[in-house]
Amino acid sequence: VALEHPDRWGGLIDIADTDMALLPGILAGAEDQVMVRSGTVH
């Protein structure tokens, strides 16, 4: 989807409910493929 519709795609985020407080920072950032593990964004 990112390749075919870059104009309407945000990104992919793999995150547990316990780390959800980090979600706004990811949404406002520049990365579009992110995984959160043990409280750290990768």
Full PDB file with SEQRES, HELIX, SHEET, SSBOND, CRYST1, ORIGX, SCALE, CONECT and MASTER records, all heavy atoms in Angstrom:
SEQRES   1 A   42  VAL ALA LEU GLU HIS PRO ASP ARG TRP GLY GLY LEU ILE          
SEQRES   2 A   42  ASP ILE ALA ASP THR ASP MET ALA LEU LEU PRO GLY ILE          
SEQRES   3 A   42  LEU ALA GLY ALA GLU ASP GLN VAL MET VAL ARG SER GLY          
SEQRES   4 A   42  THR VAL HIS                                                  
HELIX    1 AA1 ASP A   17  LEU A   22  5                                   6    
HELIX    2 AA2 LEU A   23  LEU A   27  1                                   5    
SHEET    1 AA1 3 LEU A  12  ASP A  14  0                                        
SHEET    2 AA1 3 GLN A  33  ARG A  37  1                                        
SHEET    3 AA1 3 THR A  40  VAL A  41 -1                                        
CRYST1    1.000    1.000    1.000  90.00  90.00  90.00 P 1           1          
ORIGX1      1.000000  0.000000  0.000000        0.00000                         
ORIGX2      0.000000  1.000000  0.000000        0.00000                         
ORIGX3      0.000000  0.000000  1.000000        0.00000                         
SCALE1      1.000000  0.000000  0.000000        0.00000                         
SCALE2      0.000000  1.000000  0.000000        0.00000                         
SCALE3      0.000000  0.000000  1.000000        0.00000                         
ATOM      1  N   VAL A   1       0.839  -1.201   0.000  1.00  0.00           N  
ATOM      2  CA  VAL A   1       0.000   0.000   0.000  1.00  0.00           C  
ATOM      3  C   VAL A   1       0.877   1.256   0.000  1.00  0.00           C  
ATOM      4  O   VAL A   1       0.590   2.231  -0.694  1.00  0.00           O  
ATOM      5  CB  VAL A   1      -0.949   0.020   1.213  1.00  0.00           C  
ATOM      6  CG1 VAL A   1      -1.787   1.294   1.218  1.00  0.00           C  
ATOM      7  CG2 VAL A   1      -1.858  -1.200   1.212  1.00  0.00           C  
ATOM      8  N   ALA A   2       1.975   1.226   0.764  1.00  0.00           N  
ATOM      9  CA  ALA A   2       2.877   2.373   0.834  1.00  0.00           C  
ATOM     10  C   ALA A   2       3.464   2.701  -0.532  1.00  0.00           C  
ATOM     11  O   ALA A   2       3.678   3.872  -0.868  1.00  0.00           O  
ATOM     12  CB  ALA A   2       4.001   2.088   1.834  1.00  0.00           C  
ATOM     13  N   LEU A   3       3.708   1.673  -1.360  1.00  0.00           N  
ATOM     14  CA  LEU A   3       4.267   1.895  -2.689  1.00  0.00           C  
ATOM     15  C   LEU A   3       3.197   2.357  -3.681  1.00  0.00           C  
ATOM     16  O   LEU A   3       3.461   3.226  -4.519  1.00  0.00           O  
ATOM     17  CB  LEU A   3       4.910   0.594  -3.201  1.00  0.00           C  
ATOM     18  CG  LEU A   3       6.150   0.114  -2.446  1.00  0.00           C  
ATOM     19  CD1 LEU A   3       6.564  -1.262  -2.944  1.00  0.00           C  
ATOM     20  CD2 LEU A   3       7.295   1.095  -2.610  1.00  0.00           C  
ATOM     21  N   GLU A   4       2.000   1.789  -3.586  1.00  0.00           N  
ATOM     22  CA  GLU A   4       0.954   2.109  -4.553  1.00  0.00           C  
ATOM     23  C   GLU A   4       0.199   3.391  -4.216  1.00  0.00           C  
ATOM     24  O   GLU A   4      -0.296   4.075  -5.107  1.00  0.00           O  
ATOM     25  CB  GLU A   4      -0.036   0.948  -4.666  1.00  0.00           C  
ATOM     26  CG  GLU A   4       0.574  -0.315  -5.265  1.00  0.00           C  
ATOM     27  CD  GLU A   4      -0.463  -1.387  -5.522  1.00  0.00           C  
ATOM     28  OE1 GLU A   4      -1.672  -1.077  -5.509  1.00  0.00           O  
ATOM     29  OE2 GLU A   4      -0.062  -2.549  -5.733  1.00  0.00           O  
ATOM     30  N   HIS A   5       0.080   3.703  -2.914  1.00  0.00           N  
ATOM     31  CA  HIS A   5      -0.690   4.885  -2.493  1.00  0.00           C  
ATOM     32  C   HIS A   5       0.083   5.693  -1.450  1.00  0.00           C  
ATOM     33  O   HIS A   5      -0.395   5.868  -0.317  1.00  0.00           O  
ATOM     34  CB  HIS A   5      -2.045   4.460  -1.924  1.00  0.00           C  
ATOM     35  CG  HIS A   5      -2.913   3.743  -2.900  1.00  0.00           C  
ATOM     36  ND1 HIS A   5      -3.536   4.371  -3.957  1.00  0.00           N  
ATOM     37  CD2 HIS A   5      -3.260   2.429  -3.006  1.00  0.00           C  
ATOM     38  CE1 HIS A   5      -4.235   3.490  -4.654  1.00  0.00           C  
ATOM     39  NE2 HIS A   5      -4.063   2.302  -4.106  1.00  0.00           N  
ATOM     40  N   PRO A   6       1.272   6.188  -1.792  1.00  0.00           N  
ATOM     41  CA  PRO A   6       2.060   6.934  -0.797  1.00  0.00           C  
ATOM     42  C   PRO A   6       1.360   8.196  -0.315  1.00  0.00           C  
ATOM     43  O   PRO A   6       1.641   8.685   0.778  1.00  0.00           O  
ATOM     44  CB  PRO A   6       3.356   7.267  -1.552  1.00  0.00           C  
ATOM     45  CG  PRO A   6       2.969   7.227  -3.000  1.00  0.00           C  
ATOM     46  CD  PRO A   6       1.932   6.149  -3.099  1.00  0.00           C  
ATOM     47  N   ASP A   7       0.426   8.725  -1.123  1.00  0.00           N  
ATOM     48  CA  ASP A   7      -0.253   9.962  -0.756  1.00  0.00           C  
ATOM     49  C   ASP A   7      -1.256   9.772   0.366  1.00  0.00           C  
ATOM     50  O   ASP A   7      -1.626  10.742   1.043  1.00  0.00           O  
ATOM     51  CB  ASP A   7      -0.958  10.554  -1.973  1.00  0.00           C  
ATOM     52  CG  ASP A   7      -1.930   9.574  -2.623  1.00  0.00           C  
ATOM     53  OD1 ASP A   7      -1.611   8.370  -2.637  1.00  0.00           O  
ATOM     54  OD2 ASP A   7      -2.981  10.008  -3.121  1.00  0.00           O  
ATOM     55  N   ARG A   8      -1.728   8.549   0.583  1.00  0.00           N  
ATOM     56  CA  ARG A   8      -2.748   8.344   1.612  1.00  0.00           C  
ATOM     57  C   ARG A   8      -2.331   7.321   2.662  1.00  0.00           C  
ATOM     58  O   ARG A   8      -3.165   6.859   3.438  1.00  0.00           O  
ATOM     59  CB  ARG A   8      -4.070   7.928   0.977  1.00  0.00           C  
ATOM     60  CG  ARG A   8      -4.047   6.627   0.211  1.00  0.00           C  
ATOM     61  CD  ARG A   8      -5.365   6.417  -0.508  1.00  0.00           C  
ATOM     62  NE  ARG A   8      -5.512   5.068  -1.022  1.00  0.00           N  
ATOM     63  CZ  ARG A   8      -6.538   4.625  -1.743  1.00  0.00           C  
ATOM     64  NH1 ARG A   8      -7.513   5.451  -2.023  1.00  0.00           N  
ATOM     65  NH2 ARG A   8      -6.593   3.391  -2.169  1.00  0.00           N  
ATOM     66  N   TRP A   9      -1.057   6.959   2.685  1.00  0.00           N  
ATOM     67  CA  TRP A   9      -0.573   5.960   3.625  1.00  0.00           C  
ATOM     68  C   TRP A   9       0.234   6.627   4.742  1.00  0.00           C  
ATOM     69  O   TRP A   9       1.045   7.517   4.489  1.00  0.00           O  
ATOM     70  CB  TRP A   9       0.290   4.935   2.894  1.00  0.00           C  
ATOM     71  CG  TRP A   9       0.809   3.820   3.758  1.00  0.00           C  
ATOM     72  CD1 TRP A   9       2.100   3.589   4.102  1.00  0.00           C  
ATOM     73  CD2 TRP A   9       0.031   2.798   4.393  1.00  0.00           C  
ATOM     74  NE1 TRP A   9       2.189   2.482   4.906  1.00  0.00           N  
ATOM     75  CE2 TRP A   9       0.932   1.969   5.102  1.00  0.00           C  
ATOM     76  CE3 TRP A   9      -1.323   2.501   4.446  1.00  0.00           C  
ATOM     77  CZ2 TRP A   9       0.516   0.874   5.845  1.00  0.00           C  
ATOM     78  CZ3 TRP A   9      -1.735   1.398   5.174  1.00  0.00           C  
ATOM     79  CH2 TRP A   9      -0.830   0.596   5.862  1.00  0.00           C  
ATOM     80  N   GLY A  10      -0.010   6.190   5.983  1.00  0.00           N  
ATOM     81  CA  GLY A  10       0.767   6.695   7.116  1.00  0.00           C  
ATOM     82  C   GLY A  10       1.916   5.768   7.444  1.00  0.00           C  
ATOM     83  O   GLY A  10       3.088   6.134   7.323  1.00  0.00           O  
ATOM     84  N   GLY A  11       1.611   4.515   7.847  1.00  0.00           N  
ATOM     85  CA  GLY A  11       2.670   3.577   8.146  1.00  0.00           C  
ATOM     86  C   GLY A  11       2.180   2.386   8.936  1.00  0.00           C  
ATOM     87  O   GLY A  11       0.977   2.204   9.158  1.00  0.00           O  
ATOM     88  N   LEU A  12       3.143   1.559   9.378  1.00  0.00           N  
ATOM     89  CA  LEU A  12       2.891   0.335  10.135  1.00  0.00           C  
ATOM     90  C   LEU A  12       3.502   0.465  11.519  1.00  0.00           C  
ATOM     91  O   LEU A  12       4.666   0.864  11.656  1.00  0.00           O  
ATOM     92  CB  LEU A  12       3.506  -0.868   9.406  1.00  0.00           C  
ATOM     93  CG  LEU A  12       2.881  -1.235   8.064  1.00  0.00           C  
ATOM     94  CD1 LEU A  12       3.888  -1.980   7.191  1.00  0.00           C  
ATOM     95  CD2 LEU A  12       1.640  -2.111   8.276  1.00  0.00           C  
ATOM     96  N   ILE A  13       2.724   0.107  12.529  1.00  0.00           N  
ATOM     97  CA  ILE A  13       3.195   0.206  13.915  1.00  0.00           C  
ATOM     98  C   ILE A  13       2.819  -1.083  14.637  1.00  0.00           C  
ATOM     99  O   ILE A  13       1.642  -1.450  14.681  1.00  0.00           O  
ATOM    100  CB  ILE A  13       2.560   1.412  14.653  1.00  0.00           C  
ATOM    101  CG1 ILE A  13       2.824   2.709  13.888  1.00  0.00           C  
ATOM    102  CG2 ILE A  13       3.082   1.495  16.078  1.00  0.00           C  
ATOM    103  CD1 ILE A  13       2.029   3.882  14.409  1.00  0.00           C  
ATOM    104  N   ASP A  14       3.800  -1.783  15.171  1.00  0.00           N  
ATOM    105  CA  ASP A  14       3.532  -2.961  15.995  1.00  0.00           C  
ATOM    106  C   ASP A  14       3.794  -2.580  17.444  1.00  0.00           C  
ATOM    107  O   ASP A  14       4.926  -2.237  17.808  1.00  0.00           O  
ATOM    108  CB  ASP A  14       4.435  -4.134  15.579  1.00  0.00           C  
ATOM    109  CG  ASP A  14       3.958  -5.443  16.188  1.00  0.00           C  
ATOM    110  OD1 ASP A  14       2.946  -5.970  15.724  1.00  0.00           O  
ATOM    111  OD2 ASP A  14       4.603  -5.922  17.140  1.00  0.00           O  
ATOM    112  N   ILE A  15       2.754  -2.630  18.265  1.00  0.00           N  
ATOM    113  CA  ILE A  15       2.865  -2.095  19.617  1.00  0.00           C  
ATOM    114  C   ILE A  15       1.881  -2.815  20.537  1.00  0.00           C  
ATOM    115  O   ILE A  15       0.773  -3.171  20.126  1.00  0.00           O  
ATOM    116  CB  ILE A  15       2.591  -0.564  19.611  1.00  0.00           C  
ATOM    117  CG1 ILE A  15       2.829   0.062  20.964  1.00  0.00           C  
ATOM    118  CG2 ILE A  15       1.187  -0.268  19.094  1.00  0.00           C  
ATOM    119  CD1 ILE A  15       2.769   1.600  20.939  1.00  0.00           C  
ATOM    120  N   ALA A  16       2.290  -3.053  21.769  1.00  0.00           N  
ATOM    121  CA  ALA A  16       1.419  -3.659  22.777  1.00  0.00           C  
ATOM    122  C   ALA A  16       0.635  -2.570  23.503  1.00  0.00           C  
ATOM    123  O   ALA A  16       1.038  -1.399  23.537  1.00  0.00           O  
ATOM    124  CB  ALA A  16       2.250  -4.456  23.779  1.00  0.00           C  
ATOM    125  N   ASP A  17      -0.493  -2.944  24.088  1.00  0.00           N  
ATOM    126  CA  ASP A  17      -1.312  -1.970  24.809  1.00  0.00           C  
ATOM    127  C   ASP A  17      -0.526  -1.292  25.923  1.00  0.00           C  
ATOM    128  O   ASP A  17      -0.744  -0.105  26.217  1.00  0.00           O  
ATOM    129  CB  ASP A  17      -2.555  -2.655  25.384  1.00  0.00           C  
ATOM    130  CG  ASP A  17      -3.585  -2.970  24.307  1.00  0.00           C  
ATOM    131  OD1 ASP A  17      -3.394  -2.515  23.151  1.00  0.00           O  
ATOM    132  OD2 ASP A  17      -4.576  -3.660  24.609  1.00  0.00           O  
ATOM    133  N   THR A  18       0.402  -2.022  26.552  1.00  0.00           N  
ATOM    134  CA  THR A  18       1.175  -1.457  27.669  1.00  0.00           C  
ATOM    135  C   THR A  18       2.127  -0.360  27.223  1.00  0.00           C  
ATOM    136  O   THR A  18       2.587   0.426  28.055  1.00  0.00           O  
ATOM    137  CB  THR A  18       1.963  -2.576  28.367  1.00  0.00           C  
ATOM    138  OG1 THR A  18       2.743  -3.272  27.387  1.00  0.00           O  
ATOM    139  CG2 THR A  18       1.024  -3.556  29.049  1.00  0.00           C  
ATOM    140  N   ASP A  19       2.429  -0.300  25.923  1.00  0.00           N  
ATOM    141  CA  ASP A  19       3.343   0.733  25.405  1.00  0.00           C  
ATOM    142  C   ASP A  19       2.605   1.813  24.619  1.00  0.00           C  
ATOM    143  O   ASP A  19       3.235   2.638  23.953  1.00  0.00           O  
ATOM    144  CB  ASP A  19       4.393   0.089  24.483  1.00  0.00           C  
ATOM    145  CG  ASP A  19       5.339  -0.837  25.230  1.00  0.00           C  
ATOM    146  OD1 ASP A  19       5.767  -0.467  26.334  1.00  0.00           O  
ATOM    147  OD2 ASP A  19       5.651  -1.922  24.692  1.00  0.00           O  
ATOM    148  N   MET A  20       1.284   1.838  24.703  1.00  0.00           N  
ATOM    149  CA  MET A  20       0.495   2.688  23.828  1.00  0.00           C  
ATOM    150  C   MET A  20       0.739   4.182  24.065  1.00  0.00           C  
ATOM    151  O   MET A  20       0.476   5.006  23.178  1.00  0.00           O  
ATOM    152  CB  MET A  20      -0.992   2.374  23.978  1.00  0.00           C  
ATOM    153  CG  MET A  20      -1.813   2.735  22.753  1.00  0.00           C  
ATOM    154  SD  MET A  20      -1.302   1.864  21.255  1.00  0.00           S  
ATOM    155  CE  MET A  20      -1.930   0.210  21.587  1.00  0.00           C  
ATOM    156  N   ALA A  21       1.298   4.556  25.211  1.00  0.00           N  
ATOM    157  CA  ALA A  21       1.598   5.973  25.451  1.00  0.00           C  
ATOM    158  C   ALA A  21       2.633   6.499  24.463  1.00  0.00           C  
ATOM    159  O   ALA A  21       2.733   7.721  24.247  1.00  0.00           O  
ATOM    160  CB  ALA A  21       2.109   6.158  26.881  1.00  0.00           C  
ATOM    161  N   LEU A  22       3.397   5.608  23.835  1.00  0.00           N  
ATOM    162  CA  LEU A  22       4.399   6.016  22.853  1.00  0.00           C  
ATOM    163  C   LEU A  22       3.804   6.261  21.474  1.00  0.00           C  
ATOM    164  O   LEU A  22       4.482   6.774  20.574  1.00  0.00           O  
ATOM    165  CB  LEU A  22       5.493   4.943  22.747  1.00  0.00           C  
ATOM    166  CG  LEU A  22       6.267   4.623  24.034  1.00  0.00           C  
ATOM    167  CD1 LEU A  22       7.178   3.425  23.810  1.00  0.00           C  
ATOM    168  CD2 LEU A  22       7.070   5.836  24.473  1.00  0.00           C  
ATOM    169  N   LEU A  23       2.546   5.866  21.266  1.00  0.00           N  
ATOM    170  CA  LEU A  23       1.931   5.952  19.948  1.00  0.00           C  
ATOM    171  C   LEU A  23       1.894   7.377  19.376  1.00  0.00           C  
ATOM    172  O   LEU A  23       2.253   7.569  18.202  1.00  0.00           O  
ATOM    173  CB  LEU A  23       0.529   5.358  19.990  1.00  0.00           C  
ATOM    174  CG  LEU A  23      -0.244   5.354  18.672  1.00  0.00           C  
ATOM    175  CD1 LEU A  23       0.468   4.483  17.631  1.00  0.00           C  
ATOM    176  CD2 LEU A  23      -1.680   4.842  18.880  1.00  0.00           C  
ATOM    177  N   PRO A  24       1.478   8.415  20.128  1.00  0.00           N  
ATOM    178  CA  PRO A  24       1.428   9.753  19.536  1.00  0.00           C  
ATOM    179  C   PRO A  24       2.767  10.220  18.992  1.00  0.00           C  
ATOM    180  O   PRO A  24       2.824  10.848  17.926  1.00  0.00           O  
ATOM    181  CB  PRO A  24       0.954  10.634  20.703  1.00  0.00           C  
ATOM    182  CG  PRO A  24       0.173   9.704  21.575  1.00  0.00           C  
ATOM    183  CD  PRO A  24       0.908   8.404  21.502  1.00  0.00           C  
ATOM    184  N   GLY A  25       3.861   9.925  19.695  1.00  0.00           N  
ATOM    185  CA  GLY A  25       5.173  10.320  19.203  1.00  0.00           C  
ATOM    186  C   GLY A  25       5.518   9.649  17.887  1.00  0.00           C  
ATOM    187  O   GLY A  25       6.175  10.243  17.016  1.00  0.00           O  
ATOM    188  N   ILE A  26       5.088   8.400  17.729  1.00  0.00           N  
ATOM    189  CA  ILE A  26       5.333   7.695  16.462  1.00  0.00           C  
ATOM    190  C   ILE A  26       4.516   8.312  15.340  1.00  0.00           C  
ATOM    191  O   ILE A  26       5.007   8.534  14.232  1.00  0.00           O  
ATOM    192  CB  ILE A  26       4.998   6.197  16.625  1.00  0.00           C  
ATOM    193  CG1 ILE A  26       5.884   5.566  17.695  1.00  0.00           C  
ATOM    194  CG2 ILE A  26       5.147   5.477  15.301  1.00  0.00           C  
ATOM    195  CD1 ILE A  26       5.473   4.165  18.079  1.00  0.00           C  
ATOM    196  N   LEU A  27       3.238   8.607  15.623  1.00  0.00           N  
ATOM    197  CA  LEU A  27       2.361   9.180  14.600  1.00  0.00           C  
ATOM    198  C   LEU A  27       2.858  10.545  14.145  1.00  0.00           C  
ATOM    199  O   LEU A  27       2.638  10.930  12.986  1.00  0.00           O  
ATOM    200  CB  LEU A  27       0.930   9.300  15.143  1.00  0.00           C  
ATOM    201  CG  LEU A  27       0.224   7.983  15.484  1.00  0.00           C  
ATOM    202  CD1 LEU A  27      -1.125   8.268  16.126  1.00  0.00           C  
ATOM    203  CD2 LEU A  27       0.057   7.111  14.244  1.00  0.00           C  
ATOM    204  N   ALA A  28       3.502  11.270  15.018  1.00  0.00           N  
ATOM    205  CA  ALA A  28       3.999  12.601  14.666  1.00  0.00           C  
ATOM    206  C   ALA A  28       5.406  12.560  14.092  1.00  0.00           C  
ATOM    207  O   ALA A  28       5.934  13.595  13.658  1.00  0.00           O  
ATOM    208  CB  ALA A  28       3.979  13.505  15.903  1.00  0.00           C  
ATOM    209  N   GLY A  29       6.025  11.385  14.061  1.00  0.00           N  
ATOM    210  CA  GLY A  29       7.401  11.261  13.600  1.00  0.00           C  
ATOM    211  C   GLY A  29       7.509  11.004  12.108  1.00  0.00           C  
ATOM    212  O   GLY A  29       6.525  11.050  11.371  1.00  0.00           O  
ATOM    213  N   ALA A  30       8.740  10.683  11.665  1.00  0.00           N  
ATOM    214  CA  ALA A  30       9.027  10.507  10.243  1.00  0.00           C  
ATOM    215  C   ALA A  30       9.119   9.044   9.827  1.00  0.00           C  
ATOM    216  O   ALA A  30       9.197   8.746   8.641  1.00  0.00           O  
ATOM    217  CB  ALA A  30      10.331  11.209   9.878  1.00  0.00           C  
ATOM    218  N   GLU A  31       9.113   8.118  10.799  1.00  0.00           N  
ATOM    219  CA  GLU A  31       9.258   6.703  10.472  1.00  0.00           C  
ATOM    220  C   GLU A  31       7.901   6.093  10.118  1.00  0.00           C  
ATOM    221  O   GLU A  31       6.883   6.416  10.737  1.00  0.00           O  
ATOM    222  CB  GLU A  31       9.865   5.936  11.654  1.00  0.00           C  
ATOM    223  CG  GLU A  31      11.238   6.428  12.060  1.00  0.00           C  
ATOM    224  CD  GLU A  31      12.307   6.103  11.025  1.00  0.00           C  
ATOM    225  OE1 GLU A  31      12.061   5.208  10.188  1.00  0.00           O  
ATOM    226  OE2 GLU A  31      13.384   6.730  11.059  1.00  0.00           O  
ATOM    227  N   ASP A  32       7.908   5.175   9.122  1.00  0.00           N  
ATOM    228  CA  ASP A  32       6.639   4.564   8.709  1.00  0.00           C  
ATOM    229  C   ASP A  32       6.612   3.050   8.912  1.00  0.00           C  
ATOM    230  O   ASP A  32       5.628   2.400   8.543  1.00  0.00           O  
ATOM    231  CB  ASP A  32       6.336   4.895   7.246  1.00  0.00           C  
ATOM    232  CG  ASP A  32       7.324   4.269   6.275  1.00  0.00           C  
ATOM    233  OD1 ASP A  32       8.372   3.775   6.731  1.00  0.00           O  
ATOM    234  OD2 ASP A  32       7.046   4.271   5.064  1.00  0.00           O  
ATOM    235  N   GLN A  33       7.668   2.461   9.500  1.00  0.00           N  
ATOM    236  CA  GLN A  33       7.673   1.042   9.848  1.00  0.00           C  
ATOM    237  C   GLN A  33       8.337   0.913  11.220  1.00  0.00           C  
ATOM    238  O   GLN A  33       9.562   0.966  11.319  1.00  0.00           O  
ATOM    239  CB  GLN A  33       8.419   0.212   8.801  1.00  0.00           C  
ATOM    240  CG  GLN A  33       7.750   0.240   7.430  1.00  0.00           C  
ATOM    241  CD  GLN A  33       8.474  -0.598   6.400  1.00  0.00           C  
ATOM    242  OE1 GLN A  33       8.863  -1.728   6.671  1.00  0.00           O  
ATOM    243  NE2 GLN A  33       8.659  -0.025   5.217  1.00  0.00           N  
ATOM    244  N   VAL A  34       7.508   0.747  12.255  1.00  0.00           N  
ATOM    245  CA  VAL A  34       7.985   0.868  13.634  1.00  0.00           C  
ATOM    246  C   VAL A  34       7.481  -0.309  14.453  1.00  0.00           C  
ATOM    247  O   VAL A  34       6.323  -0.724  14.331  1.00  0.00           O  
ATOM    248  CB  VAL A  34       7.495   2.196  14.267  1.00  0.00           C  
ATOM    249  CG1 VAL A  34       7.849   2.252  15.737  1.00  0.00           C  
ATOM    250  CG2 VAL A  34       8.086   3.384  13.519  1.00  0.00           C  
ATOM    251  N   MET A  35       8.362  -0.849  15.304  1.00  0.00           N  
ATOM    252  CA  MET A  35       7.977  -1.839  16.300  1.00  0.00           C  
ATOM    253  C   MET A  35       8.431  -1.352  17.676  1.00  0.00           C  
ATOM    254  O   MET A  35       9.541  -0.835  17.818  1.00  0.00           O  
ATOM    255  CB  MET A  35       8.607  -3.204  16.001  1.00  0.00           C  
ATOM    256  CG  MET A  35       7.944  -3.957  14.864  1.00  0.00           C  
ATOM    257  SD  MET A  35       8.495  -5.684  14.790  1.00  0.00           S  
ATOM    258  CE  MET A  35       7.476  -6.297  13.441  1.00  0.00           C  
ATOM    259  N   VAL A  36       7.549  -1.506  18.657  1.00  0.00           N  
ATOM    260  CA  VAL A  36       7.860  -1.097  20.027  1.00  0.00           C  
ATOM    261  C   VAL A  36       8.082  -2.348  20.857  1.00  0.00           C  
ATOM    262  O   VAL A  36       7.208  -3.227  20.918  1.00  0.00           O  
ATOM    263  CB  VAL A  36       6.731  -0.236  20.623  1.00  0.00           C  
ATOM    264  CG1 VAL A  36       7.099   0.191  22.042  1.00  0.00           C  
ATOM    265  CG2 VAL A  36       6.462   0.980  19.739  1.00  0.00           C  
ATOM    266  N   ARG A  37       9.241  -2.433  21.508  1.00  0.00           N  
ATOM    267  CA  ARG A  37       9.579  -3.574  22.342  1.00  0.00           C  
ATOM    268  C   ARG A  37      10.139  -3.092  23.678  1.00  0.00           C  
ATOM    269  O   ARG A  37      11.103  -2.308  23.699  1.00  0.00           O  
ATOM    270  CB  ARG A  37      10.619  -4.472  21.641  1.00  0.00           C  
ATOM    271  CG  ARG A  37      10.110  -5.139  20.367  1.00  0.00           C  
ATOM    272  CD  ARG A  37       9.018  -6.157  20.677  1.00  0.00           C  
ATOM    273  NE  ARG A  37       8.491  -6.806  19.478  1.00  0.00           N  
ATOM    274  CZ  ARG A  37       7.460  -6.366  18.778  1.00  0.00           C  
ATOM    275  NH1 ARG A  37       6.824  -5.256  19.169  1.00  0.00           N  
ATOM    276  NH2 ARG A  37       7.040  -7.006  17.711  1.00  0.00           N  
ATOM    277  N   SER A  38       9.508  -3.537  24.776  1.00  0.00           N  
ATOM    278  CA  SER A  38       9.966  -3.213  26.132  1.00  0.00           C  
ATOM    279  C   SER A  38      10.136  -1.714  26.326  1.00  0.00           C  
ATOM    280  O   SER A  38      11.138  -1.237  26.879  1.00  0.00           O  
ATOM    281  CB  SER A  38      11.293  -3.933  26.433  1.00  0.00           C  
ATOM    282  OG  SER A  38      11.150  -5.332  26.289  1.00  0.00           O  
ATOM    283  N   GLY A  39       9.170  -0.956  25.834  1.00  0.00           N  
ATOM    284  CA  GLY A  39       9.180   0.483  26.045  1.00  0.00           C  
ATOM    285  C   GLY A  39      10.111   1.254  25.140  1.00  0.00           C  
ATOM    286  O   GLY A  39      10.299   2.465  25.336  1.00  0.00           O  
ATOM    287  N   THR A  40      10.723   0.625  24.145  1.00  0.00           N  
ATOM    288  CA  THR A  40      11.631   1.304  23.224  1.00  0.00           C  
ATOM    289  C   THR A  40      11.094   1.203  21.803  1.00  0.00           C  
ATOM    290  O   THR A  40      10.680   0.129  21.354  1.00  0.00           O  
ATOM    291  CB  THR A  40      13.039   0.693  23.283  1.00  0.00           C  
ATOM    292  OG1 THR A  40      13.536   0.788  24.614  1.00  0.00           O  
ATOM    293  CG2 THR A  40      13.992   1.430  22.344  1.00  0.00           C  
ATOM    294  N   VAL A  41      11.129   2.332  21.096  1.00  0.00           N  
ATOM    295  CA  VAL A  41      10.666   2.383  19.709  1.00  0.00           C  
ATOM    296  C   VAL A  41      11.820   1.986  18.790  1.00  0.00           C  
ATOM    297  O   VAL A  41      12.927   2.522  18.902  1.00  0.00           O  
ATOM    298  CB  VAL A  41      10.159   3.792  19.354  1.00  0.00           C  
ATOM    299  CG1 VAL A  41       9.725   3.845  17.884  1.00  0.00           C  
ATOM    300  CG2 VAL A  41       9.004   4.193  20.265  1.00  0.00           C  
ATOM    301  N   HIS A  42      11.558   1.055  17.873  1.00  0.00           N  
ATOM    302  CA  HIS A  42      12.556   0.609  16.911  1.00  0.00           C  
ATOM    303  C   HIS A  42      12.036   0.857  15.501  1.00  0.00           C  
ATOM    304  O   HIS A  42      10.858   0.604  15.200  1.00  0.00           O  
ATOM    305  CB  HIS A  42      12.860  -0.880  17.067  1.00  0.00           C  
ATOM    306  CG  HIS A  42      13.464  -1.239  18.385  1.00  0.00           C  
ATOM    307  ND1 HIS A  42      12.738  -1.339  19.549  1.00  0.00           N  
ATOM    308  CD2 HIS A  42      14.757  -1.519  18.713  1.00  0.00           C  
ATOM    309  CE1 HIS A  42      13.532  -1.671  20.540  1.00  0.00           C  
ATOM    310  NE2 HIS A  42      14.767  -1.792  20.064  1.00  0.00           N  
TER     311      HIS A  42                                                      
MASTER        0    0    0    2    3    0    0    6  310    1    0    4          
END                                                                             
